[in-house]
């Protein structure tokens, strides 16, 4: 039997470049998950708490919204190189 706890963290920020007509909006998000599994192969139990979905997002606009950039950087590979016990 497993127990799952998830906590989502979100951070937003707006920035305006003065006099250039450019707007920037960035955000960071992370999901923290805790898992306990018992029994595991070989006996015993396992518990872990990991950041499972860290992301950075950026939106930029310029020239009266004629130039728009939307980007997301998924950092999950850096925080979980061997994966995790949580499989949803």
Protein backbone atom coordinates (compact mmCIF):
# COMPACT_ATOMS: atom_id res chain seq x y z
CA UNK A 1 0.00 0.00 0.00
CA UNK A 2 1.33 3.44 -0.84
CA UNK A 3 0.68 6.87 0.63
CA UNK A 4 1.00 9.88 -1.65
CA UNK A 5 1.28 13.54 -0.65
CA UNK A 6 1.66 16.27 -3.25
CA UNK A 7 2.51 19.92 -2.70
CA UNK A 8 2.52 22.38 -5.60
CA UNK A 9 4.57 25.57 -5.44
CA UNK A 10 4.03 28.35 -7.96
CA UNK A 11 5.87 31.65 -8.27
CA UNK A 12 4.94 34.41 -10.74
CA UNK A 13 6.67 37.65 -11.67
CA UNK A 14 5.96 40.41 -14.19
CA UNK A 15 8.57 42.78 -15.62
CA UNK A 16 8.26 45.67 -18.05
CA UNK A 17 11.29 46.98 -19.90
CA UNK A 18 10.92 50.75 -19.66
CA UNK A 19 10.60 52.61 -22.93
CA UNK A 20 11.07 49.57 -25.17
CA UNK A 21 7.51 48.24 -25.41
CA UNK A 22 8.61 44.79 -24.27
CA UNK A 23 6.84 42.80 -21.55
CA UNK A 24 8.17 39.78 -19.69
CA UNK A 25 6.29 37.33 -17.50
CA UNK A 26 8.07 34.45 -15.84
CA UNK A 27 6.90 31.72 -13.50
CA UNK A 28 8.41 28.78 -11.64
CA UNK A 29 6.52 25.70 -10.55
CA UNK A 30 7.45 22.60 -8.59
CA UNK A 31 5.54 19.59 -7.32
CA UNK A 32 6.88 17.82 -4.23
CA UNK A 33 5.71 14.22 -3.75
CA UNK A 34 6.20 11.87 -0.83
CA UNK A 35 5.71 8.13 -1.25
CA UNK A 36 5.87 5.17 1.12
CA UNK A 37 5.75 1.65 -0.34
CA UNK A 38 5.59 -1.56 1.66
CA UNK A 39 6.55 -4.26 0.89
CA UNK A 40 9.19 -3.86 -1.79
CA UNK A 41 10.97 -6.63 -3.70
CA UNK A 42 13.53 -8.17 -1.38
CA UNK A 43 11.49 -7.25 1.73
CA UNK A 44 11.23 -4.14 3.83
CA UNK A 45 9.76 -0.82 2.79
CA UNK A 46 10.85 2.35 1.01
CA UNK A 47 10.00 6.02 1.61
CA UNK A 48 11.05 9.00 -0.47
CA UNK A 49 10.24 12.69 -0.88
CA UNK A 50 11.23 14.28 -4.18
CA UNK A 51 10.66 17.32 -6.33
CA UNK A 52 9.04 15.56 -9.28
CA UNK A 53 7.99 18.32 -11.70
CA UNK A 54 10.15 21.47 -11.54
CA UNK A 55 9.51 23.89 -14.42
CA UNK A 56 10.46 27.42 -15.45
CA UNK A 57 8.19 29.33 -17.82
CA UNK A 58 8.83 32.58 -19.71
CA UNK A 59 6.52 34.69 -21.84
CA UNK A 60 7.86 37.74 -23.66
CA UNK A 61 5.99 40.21 -25.88
CA UNK A 62 7.19 43.10 -27.97
CA UNK A 63 6.29 45.46 -30.78
CA UNK A 64 2.61 45.64 -29.82
CA UNK A 65 2.32 41.84 -29.44
CA UNK A 66 3.60 41.26 -32.97
CA UNK A 67 6.57 39.39 -31.49
CA UNK A 68 5.66 36.77 -28.86
CA UNK A 69 7.76 34.09 -27.18
CA UNK A 70 6.36 31.35 -24.92
CA UNK A 71 8.83 28.90 -23.47
CA UNK A 72 8.87 26.17 -20.82
CA UNK A 73 11.96 24.51 -19.41
CA UNK A 74 11.25 21.12 -17.80
CA UNK A 75 13.93 20.32 -15.20
CA UNK A 76 12.57 16.90 -14.20
CA UNK A 77 15.62 15.09 -15.57
CA UNK A 78 17.90 17.00 -13.17
CA UNK A 79 15.92 16.21 -10.03
CA UNK A 80 15.16 12.54 -10.75
CA UNK A 81 18.01 10.93 -12.69
CA UNK A 82 16.96 7.41 -11.52
CA UNK A 83 13.21 8.05 -11.54
CA UNK A 84 10.98 7.82 -8.48
CA UNK A 85 8.67 5.40 -6.70
CA UNK A 86 5.65 7.52 -7.63
CA UNK A 87 4.02 6.47 -10.90
CA UNK A 88 0.73 8.21 -11.63
